[in-house]
Amino acid sequence: MGEDRIKIQTLLADKIILEDKYDKLSKRYEELKIKWRETCDELYEVQEERDALKNKPGERARDE
């Protein structure tokens, strides 16, 4: 019986450790998801600026 009690306590301790790791990873995942969205938004803005700059020389050539 003593061995079973030790096994149960060990399993409960492992469960607590794993739950803590899961919580930390979940929070980190949410932080990274937000950063990914921000990065995608910034990339989209930069691409639009780039496209606008690419179109400017063409507009100047048409005006001349």
PDB file of N, CA and C in Angstrom:
ATOM      1  N   MET A   1       0.812  -1.202   0.000  1.00  0.00           N
ATOM      2  CA  MET A   1       0.000   0.000   0.000  1.00  0.00           C
ATOM      3  C   MET A   1       0.849   1.257   0.000  1.00  0.00           C
ATOM      4  N   GLY A   2       1.962   1.230   0.696  1.00  0.00           N
ATOM      5  CA  GLY A   2       2.835   2.390   0.756  1.00  0.00           C
ATOM      6  C   GLY A   2       3.378   2.772  -0.605  1.00  0.00           C
ATOM      7  N   GLU A   3       3.712   1.769  -1.419  1.00  0.00           N
ATOM      8  CA  GLU A   3       4.230   2.036  -2.764  1.00  0.00           C
ATOM      9  C   GLU A   3       3.157   2.686  -3.631  1.00  0.00           C
ATOM     10  N   ASP A   4       1.935   2.200  -3.512  1.00  0.00           N
ATOM     11  CA  ASP A   4       0.835   2.779  -4.292  1.00  0.00           C
ATOM     12  C   ASP A   4       0.615   4.243  -3.921  1.00  0.00           C
ATOM     13  N   ARG A   5       0.711   4.520  -2.646  1.00  0.00           N
ATOM     14  CA  ARG A   5       0.525   5.909  -2.189  1.00  0.00           C
ATOM     15  C   ARG A   5       1.632   6.806  -2.760  1.00  0.00           C
ATOM     16  N   ILE A   6       2.864   6.315  -2.783  1.00  0.00           N
ATOM     17  CA  ILE A   6       3.986   7.081  -3.349  1.00  0.00           C
ATOM     18  C   ILE A   6       3.768   7.296  -4.841  1.00  0.00           C
ATOM     19  N   LYS A   7       3.320   6.247  -5.545  1.00  0.00           N
ATOM     20  CA  LYS A   7       3.055   6.372  -6.984  1.00  0.00           C
ATOM     21  C   LYS A   7       1.975   7.418  -7.249  1.00  0.00           C
ATOM     22  N   ILE A   8       0.926   7.391  -6.448  1.00  0.00           N
ATOM     23  CA  ILE A   8      -0.165   8.351  -6.620  1.00  0.00           C
ATOM     24  C   ILE A   8       0.331   9.776  -6.365  1.00  0.00           C
ATOM     25  N   GLN A   9       1.111   9.967  -5.322  1.00  0.00           N
ATOM     26  CA  GLN A   9       1.648  11.297  -5.013  1.00  0.00           C
ATOM     27  C   GLN A   9       2.584  11.776  -6.121  1.00  0.00           C
ATOM     28  N   THR A  10       3.382  10.852  -6.643  1.00  0.00           N
ATOM     29  CA  THR A  10       4.280  11.201  -7.746  1.00  0.00           C
ATOM     30  C   THR A  10       3.482  11.606  -8.976  1.00  0.00           C
ATOM     31  N   LEU A  11       2.442  10.846  -9.275  1.00  0.00           N
ATOM     32  CA  LEU A  11       1.595  11.171 -10.428  1.00  0.00           C
ATOM     33  C   LEU A  11       0.890  12.513 -10.241  1.00  0.00           C
ATOM     34  N   LEU A  12       0.421  12.783  -9.048  1.00  0.00           N
ATOM     35  CA  LEU A  12      -0.222  14.071  -8.789  1.00  0.00           C
ATOM     36  C   LEU A  12       0.770  15.224  -8.931  1.00  0.00           C
ATOM     37  N   ALA A  13       1.994  15.020  -8.438  1.00  0.00           N
ATOM     38  CA  ALA A  13       3.025  16.055  -8.581  1.00  0.00           C
ATOM     39  C   ALA A  13       3.344  16.277 -10.053  1.00  0.00           C
ATOM     40  N   ASP A  14       3.467  15.196 -10.809  1.00  0.00           N
ATOM     41  CA  ASP A  14       3.724  15.316 -12.253  1.00  0.00           C
ATOM     42  C   ASP A  14       2.586  16.048 -12.947  1.00  0.00           C
ATOM     43  N   LYS A  15       1.352  15.749 -12.533  1.00  0.00           N
ATOM     44  CA  LYS A  15       0.185  16.415 -13.116  1.00  0.00           C
ATOM     45  C   LYS A  15       0.245  17.921 -12.872  1.00  0.00           C
ATOM     46  N   ILE A  16       0.581  18.310 -11.667  1.00  0.00           N
ATOM     47  CA  ILE A  16       0.669  19.736 -11.329  1.00  0.00           C
ATOM     48  C   ILE A  16       1.760  20.411 -12.160  1.00  0.00           C
ATOM     49  N   ILE A  17       2.902  19.738 -12.289  1.00  0.00           N
ATOM     50  CA  ILE A  17       4.007  20.289 -13.083  1.00  0.00           C
ATOM     51  C   ILE A  17       3.580  20.452 -14.540  1.00  0.00           C
ATOM     52  N   LEU A  18       2.929  19.433 -15.085  1.00  0.00           N
ATOM     53  CA  LEU A  18       2.490  19.498 -16.483  1.00  0.00           C
ATOM     54  C   LEU A  18       1.423  20.566 -16.703  1.00  0.00           C
ATOM     55  N   GLU A  19       0.519  20.719 -15.754  1.00  0.00           N
ATOM     56  CA  GLU A  19      -0.492  21.772 -15.874  1.00  0.00           C
ATOM     57  C   GLU A  19       0.155  23.146 -15.868  1.00  0.00           C
ATOM     58  N   ASP A  20       1.167  23.329 -15.019  1.00  0.00           N
ATOM     59  CA  ASP A  20       1.879  24.603 -14.961  1.00  0.00           C
ATOM     60  C   ASP A  20       2.595  24.877 -16.285  1.00  0.00           C
ATOM     61  N   LYS A  21       3.249  23.846 -16.813  1.00  0.00           N
ATOM     62  CA  LYS A  21       3.939  24.009 -18.103  1.00  0.00           C
ATOM     63  C   LYS A  21       2.935  24.337 -19.204  1.00  0.00           C
ATOM     64  N   TYR A  22       1.786  23.656 -19.177  1.00  0.00           N
ATOM     65  CA  TYR A  22       0.751  23.912 -20.176  1.00  0.00           C
ATOM     66  C   TYR A  22       0.262  25.355 -20.095  1.00  0.00           C
ATOM     67  N   ASP A  23       0.024  25.837 -18.881  1.00  0.00           N
ATOM     68  CA  ASP A  23      -0.430  27.223 -18.703  1.00  0.00           C
ATOM     69  C   ASP A  23       0.590  28.211 -19.243  1.00  0.00           C
ATOM     70  N   LYS A  24       1.864  27.977 -18.937  1.00  0.00           N
ATOM     71  CA  LYS A  24       2.915  28.876 -19.418  1.00  0.00           C
ATOM     72  C   LYS A  24       3.014  28.844 -20.939  1.00  0.00           C
ATOM     73  N   LEU A  25       2.935  27.643 -21.510  1.00  0.00           N
ATOM     74  CA  LEU A  25       3.001  27.526 -22.967  1.00  0.00           C
ATOM     75  C   LEU A  25       1.782  28.157 -23.637  1.00  0.00           C
ATOM     76  N   SER A  26       0.626  28.009 -23.027  1.00  0.00           N
ATOM     77  CA  SER A  26      -0.592  28.617 -23.584  1.00  0.00           C
ATOM     78  C   SER A  26      -0.484  30.140 -23.600  1.00  0.00           C
ATOM     79  N   LYS A  27       0.022  30.700 -22.501  1.00  0.00           N
ATOM     80  CA  LYS A  27       0.206  32.154 -22.446  1.00  0.00           C
ATOM     81  C   LYS A  27       1.215  32.610 -23.486  1.00  0.00           C
ATOM     82  N   ARG A  28       2.310  31.863 -23.607  1.00  0.00           N
ATOM     83  CA  ARG A  28       3.349  32.224 -24.589  1.00  0.00           C
ATOM     84  C   ARG A  28       2.784  32.132 -26.002  1.00  0.00           C
ATOM     85  N   TYR A  29       1.975  31.107 -26.263  1.00  0.00           N
ATOM     86  CA  TYR A  29       1.351  30.951 -27.571  1.00  0.00           C
ATOM     87  C   TYR A  29       0.468  32.152 -27.902  1.00  0.00           C
ATOM     88  N   GLU A  30      -0.317  32.589 -26.944  1.00  0.00           N
ATOM     89  CA  GLU A  30      -1.184  33.748 -27.167  1.00  0.00           C
ATOM     90  C   GLU A  30      -0.359  34.997 -27.436  1.00  0.00           C
ATOM     91  N   GLU A  31       0.746  35.169 -26.697  1.00  0.00           N
ATOM     92  CA  GLU A  31       1.625  36.320 -26.932  1.00  0.00           C
ATOM     93  C   GLU A  31       2.206  36.274 -28.334  1.00  0.00           C
ATOM     94  N   LEU A  32       2.653  35.102 -28.755  1.00  0.00           N
ATOM     95  CA  LEU A  32       3.236  34.956 -30.089  1.00  0.00           C
ATOM     96  C   LEU A  32       2.198  35.142 -31.185  1.00  0.00           C
ATOM     97  N   LYS A  33       0.971  34.706 -30.922  1.00  0.00           N
ATOM     98  CA  LYS A  33      -0.092  34.885 -31.903  1.00  0.00           C
ATOM     99  C   LYS A  33      -0.360  36.373 -32.133  1.00  0.00           C
ATOM    100  N   ILE A  34      -0.351  37.145 -31.057  1.00  0.00           N
ATOM    101  CA  ILE A  34      -0.548  38.591 -31.168  1.00  0.00           C
ATOM    102  C   ILE A  34       0.609  39.222 -31.931  1.00  0.00           C
ATOM    103  N   LYS A  35       1.835  38.823 -31.591  1.00  0.00           N
ATOM    104  CA  LYS A  35       2.999  39.360 -32.304  1.00  0.00           C
ATOM    105  C   LYS A  35       2.963  38.990 -33.783  1.00  0.00           C
ATOM    106  N   TRP A  36       2.525  37.779 -34.098  1.00  0.00           N
ATOM    107  CA  TRP A  36       2.433  37.346 -35.492  1.00  0.00           C
ATOM    108  C   TRP A  36       1.441  38.223 -36.253  1.00  0.00           C
ATOM    109  N   ARG A  37       0.291  38.497 -35.636  1.00  0.00           N
ATOM    110  CA  ARG A  37      -0.692  39.374 -36.284  1.00  0.00           C
ATOM    111  C   ARG A  37      -0.111  40.764 -36.526  1.00  0.00           C
ATOM    112  N   GLU A  38       0.576  41.301 -35.523  1.00  0.00           N
ATOM    113  CA  GLU A  38       1.187  42.624 -35.661  1.00  0.00           C
ATOM    114  C   GLU A  38       2.230  42.619 -36.772  1.00  0.00           C
ATOM    115  N   THR A  39       3.024  41.571 -36.834  1.00  0.00           N
ATOM    116  CA  THR A  39       4.052  41.460 -37.873  1.00  0.00           C
ATOM    117  C   THR A  39       3.418  41.377 -39.254  1.00  0.00           C
ATOM    118  N   CYS A  40       2.355  40.604 -39.376  1.00  0.00           N
ATOM    119  CA  CYS A  40       1.659  40.492 -40.659  1.00  0.00           C
ATOM    120  C   CYS A  40       1.073  41.842 -41.078  1.00  0.00           C
ATOM    121  N   ASP A  41       0.503  42.566 -40.126  1.00  0.00           N
ATOM    122  CA  ASP A  41      -0.048  43.888 -40.423  1.00  0.00           C
ATOM    123  C   ASP A  41       1.056  44.838 -40.899  1.00  0.00           C
ATOM    124  N   GLU A  42       2.197  44.816 -40.208  1.00  0.00           N
ATOM    125  CA  GLU A  42       3.312  45.675 -40.600  1.00  0.00           C
ATOM    126  C   GLU A  42       3.824  45.301 -41.984  1.00  0.00           C
ATOM    127  N   LEU A  43       3.925  44.003 -42.245  1.00  0.00           N
ATOM    128  CA  LEU A  43       4.382  43.547 -43.551  1.00  0.00           C
ATOM    129  C   LEU A  43       3.433  44.016 -44.649  1.00  0.00           C
ATOM    130  N   TYR A  44       2.147  43.916 -44.394  1.00  0.00           N
ATOM    131  CA  TYR A  44       1.158  44.358 -45.373  1.00  0.00           C
ATOM    132  C   TYR A  44       1.322  45.853 -45.656  1.00  0.00           C
ATOM    133  N   GLU A  45       1.518  46.647 -44.605  1.00  0.00           N
ATOM    134  CA  GLU A  45       1.699  48.091 -44.783  1.00  0.00           C
ATOM    135  C   GLU A  45       2.958  48.390 -45.588  1.00  0.00           C
ATOM    136  N   VAL A  46       4.036  47.683 -45.285  1.00  0.00           N
ATOM    137  CA  VAL A  46       5.291  47.907 -46.018  1.00  0.00           C
ATOM    138  C   VAL A  46       5.127  47.514 -47.481  1.00  0.00           C
ATOM    139  N   GLN A  47       4.427  46.412 -47.729  1.00  0.00           N
ATOM    140  CA  GLN A  47       4.197  46.005 -49.114  1.00  0.00           C
ATOM    141  C   GLN A  47       3.362  47.040 -49.862  1.00  0.00           C
ATOM    142  N   GLU A  48       2.387  47.608 -49.196  1.00  0.00           N
ATOM    143  CA  GLU A  48       1.586  48.650 -49.848  1.00  0.00           C
ATOM    144  C   GLU A  48       2.426  49.887 -50.145  1.00  0.00           C
ATOM    145  N   GLU A  49       3.292  50.268 -49.198  1.00  0.00           N
ATOM    146  CA  GLU A  49       4.186  51.407 -49.428  1.00  0.00           C
ATOM    147  C   GLU A  49       5.121  51.122 -50.602  1.00  0.00           C
ATOM    148  N   ARG A  50       5.647  49.893 -50.643  1.00  0.00           N
ATOM    149  CA  ARG A  50       6.536  49.503 -51.731  1.00  0.00           C
ATOM    150  C   ARG A  50       5.808  49.580 -53.070  1.00  0.00           C
ATOM    151  N   ASP A  51       4.593  49.059 -53.097  1.00  0.00           N
ATOM    152  CA  ASP A  51       3.823  49.086 -54.343  1.00  0.00           C
ATOM    153  C   ASP A  51       3.527  50.524 -54.768  1.00  0.00           C
ATOM    154  N   ALA A  52       3.248  51.378 -53.797  1.00  0.00           N
ATOM    155  CA  ALA A  52       2.992  52.784 -54.117  1.00  0.00           C
ATOM    156  C   ALA A  52       4.240  53.435 -54.699  1.00  0.00           C
ATOM    157  N   LEU A  53       5.391  53.117 -54.124  1.00  0.00           N
ATOM    158  CA  LEU A  53       6.645  53.676 -54.647  1.00  0.00           C
ATOM    159  C   LEU A  53       6.956  53.130 -56.032  1.00  0.00           C
ATOM    160  N   LYS A  54       6.634  51.881 -56.267  1.00  0.00           N
ATOM    161  CA  LYS A  54       6.872  51.299 -57.593  1.00  0.00           C
ATOM    162  C   LYS A  54       6.011  52.000 -58.639  1.00  0.00           C
ATOM    163  N   ASN A  55       4.817  52.396 -58.262  1.00  0.00           N
ATOM    164  CA  ASN A  55       3.895  53.023 -59.209  1.00  0.00           C
ATOM    165  C   ASN A  55       4.242  54.481 -59.473  1.00  0.00           C
ATOM    166  N   LYS A  56       4.940  55.135 -58.572  1.00  0.00           N
ATOM    167  CA  LYS A  56       5.267  56.549 -58.760  1.00  0.00           C
ATOM    168  C   LYS A  56       6.114  56.807 -59.999  1.00  0.00           C
ATOM    169  N   PRO A  57       7.192  56.080 -60.261  1.00  0.00           N
ATOM    170  CA  PRO A  57       7.973  56.346 -61.477  1.00  0.00           C
ATOM    171  C   PRO A  57       7.123  56.178 -62.741  1.00  0.00           C
ATOM    172  N   GLY A  58       6.194  55.243 -62.750  1.00  0.00           N
ATOM    173  CA  GLY A  58       5.320  55.048 -63.896  1.00  0.00           C
ATOM    174  C   GLY A  58       4.393  56.248 -64.076  1.00  0.00           C
ATOM    175  N   GLU A  59       3.932  56.807 -62.986  1.00  0.00           N
ATOM    176  CA  GLU A  59       3.057  57.978 -63.067  1.00  0.00           C
ATOM    177  C   GLU A  59       3.836  59.161 -63.608  1.00  0.00           C
ATOM    178  N   ARG A  60       5.081  59.309 -63.185  1.00  0.00           N
ATOM    179  CA  ARG A  60       5.900  60.419 -63.671  1.00  0.00           C
ATOM    180  C   ARG A  60       6.158  60.279 -65.169  1.00  0.00           C
ATOM    181  N   ALA A  61       6.426  59.075 -65.624  1.00  0.00           N
ATOM    182  CA  ALA A  61       6.698  58.862 -67.044  1.00  0.00           C
ATOM    183  C   ALA A  61       5.462  59.197 -67.882  1.00  0.00           C
ATOM    184  N   ARG A  62       4.283  58.896 -67.366  1.00  0.00           N
ATOM    185  CA  ARG A  62       3.055  59.213 -68.103  1.00  0.00           C
ATOM    186  C   ARG A  62       2.813  60.708 -68.172  1.00  0.00           C
ATOM    187  N   ASP A  63       3.205  61.418 -67.082  1.00  0.00           N
ATOM    188  CA  ASP A  63       2.983  62.857 -67.031  1.00  0.00           C
ATOM    189  C   ASP A  63       3.898  63.607 -67.998  1.00  0.00           C
ATOM    190  N   GLU A  64       5.031  63.024 -68.309  1.00  0.00           N
ATOM    191  CA  GLU A  64       6.020  63.731 -69.154  1.00  0.00           C
ATOM    192  C   GLU A  64       5.713  63.681 -70.585  1.00  0.00           C
TER     193      GLU A  64
END
